[in-house]
Amino acid sequence: MLKLLLIAADTSRFTNNNYAALEQELAKITNLMVYRKSGPINKILRRIPDKPDFILIINDVGKTFVPVVTGLADIDTPAGLMVNDAHRFVEQRRRFIVRNQIKTFFVICRHNFYQHYPHQKQHQVFFLPQFANTSIFKNYGSVKAIDLMMLGEVSFPQIYPLREKILQHYQGIPHFYHRPHPGWRDFTSEQAEQSLIGENYARTINQAKLFFACGSVRQVVTFKYFEVPACRTLLMAPTLPELEEIGLIPGKHFVDINEENFSEKAAYYLQHPKEREQITEAGWRFVHNHHSTAHRAEQLTRQITSIL
């Protein structure tokens, strides 16, 4: 069994705790050792029970670039860096990569990663897309009482122009439901119960017939591309460059939209429930069968094993 050392912050109370769920799945299929703090790698290795076969670092979730590990270039254990938001912490990450001589990367979006780190094209870059924690994002059997829904960040129209247009078009219309993003931070149990995160978020999505999402101007396949179909709700979102490799097919698993046709397509699928149900069903089955947390943990393990 792969002996894996994961160096990452605790995200179990974070707005999106999918990486905490990924840890749980990795623990089922690897000999997983977890370390949470920054520090020299030799000091970290003395504090864990066994020498790892591979060291995986996740340090770009949240508002700060942590944990930061030093000395990786001086040990013989291979190490890799997971990159979520390549556009954040660019200089910090670049220094981290150079000082530690990291040559293995697991990225949620290749073109966004290469845009900011073009020199890494010569190294091992594995595509590891987002996923859905299907123990939370699932069909709760809710009555589809909401025709149109859009949840999340809309305060940056230069980054989310499609969301801005959708909000302007439907704002004030009774059958359109929108709530802003709750913020990227840790939540107490009491705060989580009152916020649109976790199960509350998933149950809300499950009440909608159609859900609008996008990948921003960066064209990143976000969590919503998996979580919305997983809740058995029809995803209305633009086609993105990496969706074909992921296997999410427009017209089969979701509906492709843009700034010009979103309202026309939404009206069509509200008026044609059989077609809406067919795509909703296919998207739901596809995510649960291919892009759950367990699937992503298995994919990551295979990628690491191929390096070794």
Protein backbone atom coordinates (compact mmCIF):
# COMPACT_ATOMS: atom_id res chain seq x y z
CA MET A 1 0.00 0.00 0.00
CA LEU A 2 1.24 3.47 -0.90
CA LYS A 3 2.71 5.34 2.07
CA LEU A 4 1.55 8.91 1.49
CA LEU A 5 2.42 11.98 3.54
CA LEU A 6 -0.13 14.75 3.01
CA ILE A 7 0.92 18.20 4.20
CA ALA A 8 -2.16 20.41 4.17
CA ALA A 9 -4.28 22.68 6.32
CA ASP A 10 -7.40 21.30 7.98
CA THR A 11 -10.32 22.20 5.69
CA SER A 12 -13.02 20.27 7.54
CA ARG A 13 -14.74 23.52 8.62
CA PHE A 14 -13.96 25.49 5.48
CA THR A 15 -16.67 26.82 3.14
CA ASN A 16 -15.99 23.93 0.80
CA ASN A 17 -14.64 20.97 2.73
CA ASN A 18 -14.16 18.66 -0.24
CA TYR A 19 -10.45 18.32 0.44
CA ALA A 20 -11.18 17.09 3.95
CA ALA A 21 -13.44 14.49 2.32
CA LEU A 22 -10.62 13.64 -0.11
CA GLU A 23 -8.34 12.98 2.87
CA GLN A 24 -10.89 10.51 4.24
CA GLU A 25 -11.02 8.65 0.93
CA LEU A 26 -7.23 8.60 0.60
CA ALA A 27 -7.01 7.10 4.10
CA LYS A 28 -9.07 4.13 2.86
CA ILE A 29 -6.74 3.25 -0.01
CA THR A 30 -3.29 4.41 1.18
CA ASN A 31 -1.24 4.41 4.34
CA LEU A 32 -2.02 8.11 4.87
CA MET A 33 -0.04 10.32 7.23
CA VAL A 34 -1.22 13.93 7.66
CA TYR A 35 0.77 16.92 8.85
CA ARG A 36 -0.77 20.39 9.22
CA LYS A 37 2.03 22.86 9.97
CA SER A 38 4.77 24.68 8.08
CA GLY A 39 8.41 23.78 8.69
CA PRO A 40 11.57 22.02 7.48
CA ILE A 41 10.75 18.67 5.90
CA ASN A 42 13.42 16.83 7.92
CA LYS A 43 11.75 18.00 11.13
CA ILE A 44 8.34 16.91 9.77
CA LEU A 45 9.65 13.48 8.77
CA ARG A 46 10.94 12.90 12.31
CA ARG A 47 7.43 13.49 13.65
CA ILE A 48 5.55 11.00 11.51
CA PRO A 49 5.43 7.23 12.16
CA ASP A 50 6.92 5.94 8.89
CA LYS A 51 9.00 7.09 5.94
CA PRO A 52 6.60 8.01 3.11
CA ASP A 53 6.87 6.89 -0.50
CA PHE A 54 5.55 10.26 -1.65
CA ILE A 55 4.87 13.70 -0.18
CA LEU A 56 1.81 15.61 -1.39
CA ILE A 57 1.42 19.29 -0.49
CA ILE A 58 -1.80 21.33 -0.67
CA ASN A 59 -1.21 24.91 0.41
CA ASP A 60 -3.44 27.19 -1.66
CA VAL A 61 -6.84 26.56 -0.07
CA GLY A 62 -7.99 29.56 1.93
CA LYS A 63 -6.77 33.13 2.17
CA THR A 64 -3.12 32.39 2.94
CA PHE A 65 -0.45 30.23 1.28
CA VAL A 66 0.10 27.61 3.99
CA PRO A 67 1.59 25.28 5.05
CA VAL A 68 5.01 26.17 3.63
CA VAL A 69 7.59 23.37 3.69
CA THR A 70 11.32 23.87 3.23
CA GLY A 71 14.17 21.52 2.35
CA LEU A 72 12.31 19.26 -0.10
CA ALA A 73 15.20 19.55 -2.57
CA ASP A 74 17.54 17.98 0.02
CA ILE A 75 15.71 14.67 0.56
CA ASP A 76 15.34 11.59 -1.62
CA THR A 77 11.56 11.22 -1.16
CA PRO A 78 9.65 12.54 -4.20
CA ALA A 79 7.18 15.37 -3.59
CA GLY A 80 4.34 16.91 -5.56
CA LEU A 81 2.27 20.07 -5.31
CA MET A 82 -1.48 20.29 -5.81
CA VAL A 83 -2.52 23.55 -7.49
CA ASN A 84 -6.12 24.70 -7.18
CA ASP A 85 -6.17 28.41 -8.01
CA ALA A 86 -3.11 28.96 -10.21
CA HIS A 87 -3.88 32.69 -10.45
CA ARG A 88 -3.53 33.21 -6.68
CA PHE A 89 -0.25 33.30 -4.71
CA VAL A 90 1.68 33.31 -8.00
CA GLU A 91 4.96 34.75 -6.73
CA GLN A 92 4.83 32.87 -3.44
CA ARG A 93 4.17 29.62 -5.25
CA ARG A 94 6.88 30.31 -7.82
CA ARG A 95 9.47 30.84 -5.05
CA PHE A 96 8.22 27.72 -3.28
CA ILE A 97 8.59 25.64 -6.46
CA VAL A 98 12.11 26.92 -7.23
CA ARG A 99 13.49 26.61 -3.70
CA ASN A 100 12.15 23.08 -3.27
CA GLN A 101 12.87 22.01 -6.87
CA ILE A 102 9.37 20.61 -7.27
CA LYS A 103 8.83 18.89 -10.60
CA THR A 104 5.49 17.14 -10.07
CA PHE A 105 2.14 18.95 -10.09
CA PHE A 106 -1.50 17.96 -9.75
CA VAL A 107 -3.64 20.72 -11.25
CA ILE A 108 -7.39 21.30 -11.54
CA CYS A 109 -6.92 23.35 -14.73
CA ARG A 110 -3.96 22.88 -17.05
CA HIS A 111 -4.32 25.96 -19.25
CA ASN A 112 -4.70 28.25 -16.24
CA PHE A 113 -1.66 26.62 -14.62
CA TYR A 114 0.51 26.93 -17.74
CA GLN A 115 -0.52 30.57 -18.19
CA HIS A 116 1.10 31.46 -14.86
CA TYR A 117 3.83 28.80 -14.80
CA PRO A 118 4.90 28.21 -18.42
CA HIS A 119 8.28 26.74 -17.43
CA GLN A 120 6.54 23.84 -15.69
CA LYS A 121 5.39 22.38 -19.03
CA GLN A 122 8.66 20.40 -19.08
CA HIS A 123 7.80 18.71 -15.78
CA GLN A 124 5.21 16.14 -14.68
CA VAL A 125 1.83 17.87 -14.70
CA PHE A 126 -1.18 15.69 -13.94
CA PHE A 127 -4.74 16.82 -14.61
CA LEU A 128 -6.80 16.29 -11.45
CA PRO A 129 -10.16 18.02 -11.88
CA GLN A 130 -12.59 18.98 -9.15
CA PHE A 131 -15.20 16.49 -7.96
CA ALA A 132 -18.37 16.12 -5.91
CA ASN A 133 -18.60 14.74 -2.40
CA THR A 134 -21.54 12.53 -3.28
CA SER A 135 -22.33 11.76 0.36
CA ILE A 136 -23.51 15.40 0.51
CA PHE A 137 -24.21 16.36 -3.10
CA LYS A 138 -26.96 13.92 -4.00
CA ASN A 139 -30.65 13.69 -4.75
CA TYR A 140 -32.59 14.50 -1.56
CA GLY A 141 -35.91 14.02 -3.34
CA SER A 142 -36.87 17.66 -2.83
CA VAL A 143 -39.85 19.13 -4.63
CA LYS A 144 -38.53 21.15 -7.59
CA ALA A 145 -40.19 24.33 -6.36
CA ILE A 146 -37.63 26.76 -7.82
CA ASP A 147 -37.46 27.23 -11.59
CA LEU A 148 -34.16 29.11 -11.86
CA MET A 149 -31.28 29.28 -9.39
CA MET A 150 -27.86 30.89 -9.19
CA LEU A 151 -25.77 30.77 -6.02
CA GLY A 152 -22.33 32.23 -5.45
CA GLU A 153 -20.05 35.13 -6.18
CA VAL A 154 -21.36 37.91 -8.46
CA SER A 155 -19.53 40.94 -7.04
CA PHE A 156 -16.73 40.76 -9.63
CA PRO A 157 -18.39 41.26 -13.04
CA GLN A 158 -15.00 41.44 -14.76
CA ILE A 159 -14.37 37.87 -13.60
CA TYR A 160 -17.94 36.55 -13.83
CA PRO A 161 -19.55 38.48 -16.72
CA LEU A 162 -22.08 35.73 -17.47
CA ARG A 163 -23.30 35.63 -13.88
CA GLU A 164 -23.64 39.41 -13.91
CA LYS A 165 -25.81 39.29 -17.05
CA ILE A 166 -27.98 36.50 -15.64
CA LEU A 167 -28.48 38.39 -12.39
CA GLN A 168 -29.41 41.61 -14.21
CA HIS A 169 -31.83 39.75 -16.48
CA TYR A 170 -33.72 37.85 -13.78
CA GLN A 171 -33.37 40.09 -10.72
CA GLY A 172 -36.76 40.71 -9.14
CA ILE A 173 -38.45 37.86 -11.02
CA PRO A 174 -40.19 35.54 -8.49
CA HIS A 175 -39.14 32.24 -10.08
CA PHE A 176 -35.42 33.18 -9.96
CA TYR A 177 -33.58 32.39 -6.70
CA HIS A 178 -30.19 33.92 -5.96
CA ARG A 179 -28.05 34.16 -2.84
CA PRO A 180 -24.51 35.57 -2.58
CA HIS A 181 -21.43 33.55 -1.74
CA PRO A 182 -21.08 32.96 2.04
CA GLY A 183 -17.34 33.79 1.95
CA TRP A 184 -14.21 31.66 1.93
CA ARG A 185 -13.51 30.99 5.61
CA ASP A 186 -13.88 28.51 8.44
CA PHE A 187 -17.35 28.09 9.94
CA THR A 188 -18.34 26.99 13.42
CA SER A 189 -20.99 24.28 13.67
CA GLU A 190 -23.58 26.90 14.59
CA GLN A 191 -22.61 29.15 11.66
CA ALA A 192 -22.68 26.22 9.25
CA GLU A 193 -26.24 25.38 10.27
CA GLN A 194 -27.35 28.87 9.22
CA SER A 195 -25.29 29.16 6.02
CA LEU A 196 -25.53 27.89 2.46
CA ILE A 197 -22.62 25.48 2.77
CA GLY A 198 -22.38 21.71 3.00
CA GLU A 199 -25.67 19.86 3.21
CA ASN A 200 -27.71 23.09 3.36
CA TYR A 201 -26.14 24.13 0.06
CA ALA A 202 -26.73 20.74 -1.55
CA ARG A 203 -30.36 20.56 -0.38
CA THR A 204 -30.96 24.05 -1.79
CA ILE A 205 -29.53 23.08 -5.19
CA ASN A 206 -31.73 19.99 -5.17
CA GLN A 207 -34.85 22.20 -5.05
CA ALA A 208 -34.10 23.85 -8.41
CA LYS A 209 -35.10 22.74 -11.89
CA LEU A 210 -32.30 24.73 -13.54
CA PHE A 211 -29.06 26.05 -12.03
CA PHE A 212 -26.81 28.64 -13.69
CA ALA A 213 -23.03 28.37 -13.28
CA CYS A 214 -19.84 29.28 -15.12
CA GLY A 215 -16.07 28.84 -15.05
CA SER A 216 -15.31 32.58 -14.91
CA VAL A 217 -13.19 34.34 -17.56
CA ARG A 218 -10.42 31.87 -16.65
CA GLN A 219 -12.56 29.00 -18.00
CA VAL A 220 -11.88 26.76 -15.02
CA VAL A 221 -14.11 23.72 -14.44
CA THR A 222 -15.34 24.63 -10.97
CA PHE A 223 -16.92 22.44 -8.29
CA LYS A 224 -20.40 23.46 -9.49
CA TYR A 225 -19.91 21.55 -12.75
CA PHE A 226 -19.94 18.39 -10.63
CA GLU A 227 -21.98 19.34 -7.57
CA VAL A 228 -25.06 20.63 -9.41
CA PRO A 229 -25.59 17.50 -11.55
CA ALA A 230 -24.81 15.38 -8.47
CA CYS A 231 -27.83 17.01 -6.76
CA ARG A 232 -30.01 15.92 -9.70
CA THR A 233 -30.53 19.47 -10.95
CA LEU A 234 -30.02 20.57 -14.53
CA LEU A 235 -26.75 22.47 -14.93
CA MET A 236 -26.85 25.46 -17.29
CA ALA A 237 -23.24 26.49 -17.91
CA PRO A 238 -20.74 27.25 -20.68
CA THR A 239 -18.75 24.52 -22.36
CA LEU A 240 -15.10 24.74 -21.25
CA PRO A 241 -11.85 23.47 -22.81
CA GLU A 242 -11.25 20.57 -20.39
CA LEU A 243 -14.81 19.26 -20.19
CA GLU A 244 -14.30 16.84 -23.08
CA GLU A 245 -11.44 15.14 -21.26
CA ILE A 246 -13.54 15.00 -18.10
CA GLY A 247 -16.38 13.47 -20.10
CA LEU A 248 -19.07 16.05 -19.33
CA ILE A 249 -20.87 16.42 -22.65
CA PRO A 250 -23.09 19.43 -23.47
CA GLY A 251 -26.57 18.37 -24.48
CA LYS A 252 -26.13 15.04 -22.71
CA HIS A 253 -25.03 15.86 -19.13
CA PHE A 254 -25.65 19.63 -19.00
CA VAL A 255 -26.87 22.51 -21.16
CA ASP A 256 -24.31 24.79 -22.80
CA ILE A 257 -25.13 28.50 -22.46
CA ASN A 258 -23.53 31.87 -23.14
CA GLU A 259 -24.30 35.55 -22.57
CA GLU A 260 -26.59 35.68 -25.61
CA ASN A 261 -28.73 32.56 -25.24
CA PHE A 262 -29.06 31.73 -21.52
CA SER A 263 -32.62 33.06 -21.16
CA GLU A 264 -33.83 31.41 -24.36
CA LYS A 265 -32.39 28.04 -23.37
CA ALA A 266 -33.71 28.33 -19.81
CA ALA A 267 -37.21 29.04 -21.13
CA TYR A 268 -36.97 26.06 -23.48
CA TYR A 269 -36.01 23.56 -20.79
CA LEU A 270 -38.63 24.88 -18.38
CA GLN A 271 -41.23 24.30 -21.09
CA HIS A 272 -39.92 20.84 -22.07
CA PRO A 273 -39.77 18.78 -18.85
CA LYS A 274 -39.06 15.45 -20.56
CA GLU A 275 -35.90 16.77 -22.22
CA ARG A 276 -34.91 18.52 -19.02
CA GLU A 277 -35.37 15.33 -17.02
CA GLN A 278 -33.37 13.27 -19.51
CA ILE A 279 -30.29 15.50 -19.28
CA THR A 280 -30.68 15.91 -15.51
CA GLU A 281 -30.77 12.15 -15.06
CA ALA A 282 -27.75 11.57 -17.29
CA GLY A 283 -25.70 14.26 -15.50
CA TRP A 284 -26.62 12.89 -12.09
CA ARG A 285 -25.61 9.34 -13.00
CA PHE A 286 -22.41 10.44 -14.72
CA VAL A 287 -21.04 12.42 -11.77
CA HIS A 288 -21.95 9.77 -9.19
CA ASN A 289 -20.41 7.04 -11.35
CA HIS A 290 -17.21 8.83 -12.41
CA HIS A 291 -16.46 12.00 -10.42
CA SER A 292 -17.12 11.38 -6.74
CA THR A 293 -14.55 11.98 -4.00
CA ALA A 294 -13.71 8.27 -4.05
CA HIS A 295 -13.10 8.35 -7.80
CA ARG A 296 -10.79 11.33 -7.47
CA ALA A 297 -8.83 9.73 -4.61
CA GLU A 298 -8.32 6.62 -6.75
CA GLN A 299 -7.21 8.75 -9.71
CA LEU A 300 -4.72 10.67 -7.56
CA THR A 301 -3.33 7.43 -6.13
CA ARG A 302 -2.86 6.00 -9.63
CA GLN A 303 -1.06 9.17 -10.74
CA ILE A 304 1.29 9.07 -7.76
CA THR A 305 1.96 5.35 -8.25
CA SER A 306 2.85 5.96 -11.91
CA ILE A 307 5.58 8.37 -10.75
CA LEU A 308 7.05 5.84 -8.33
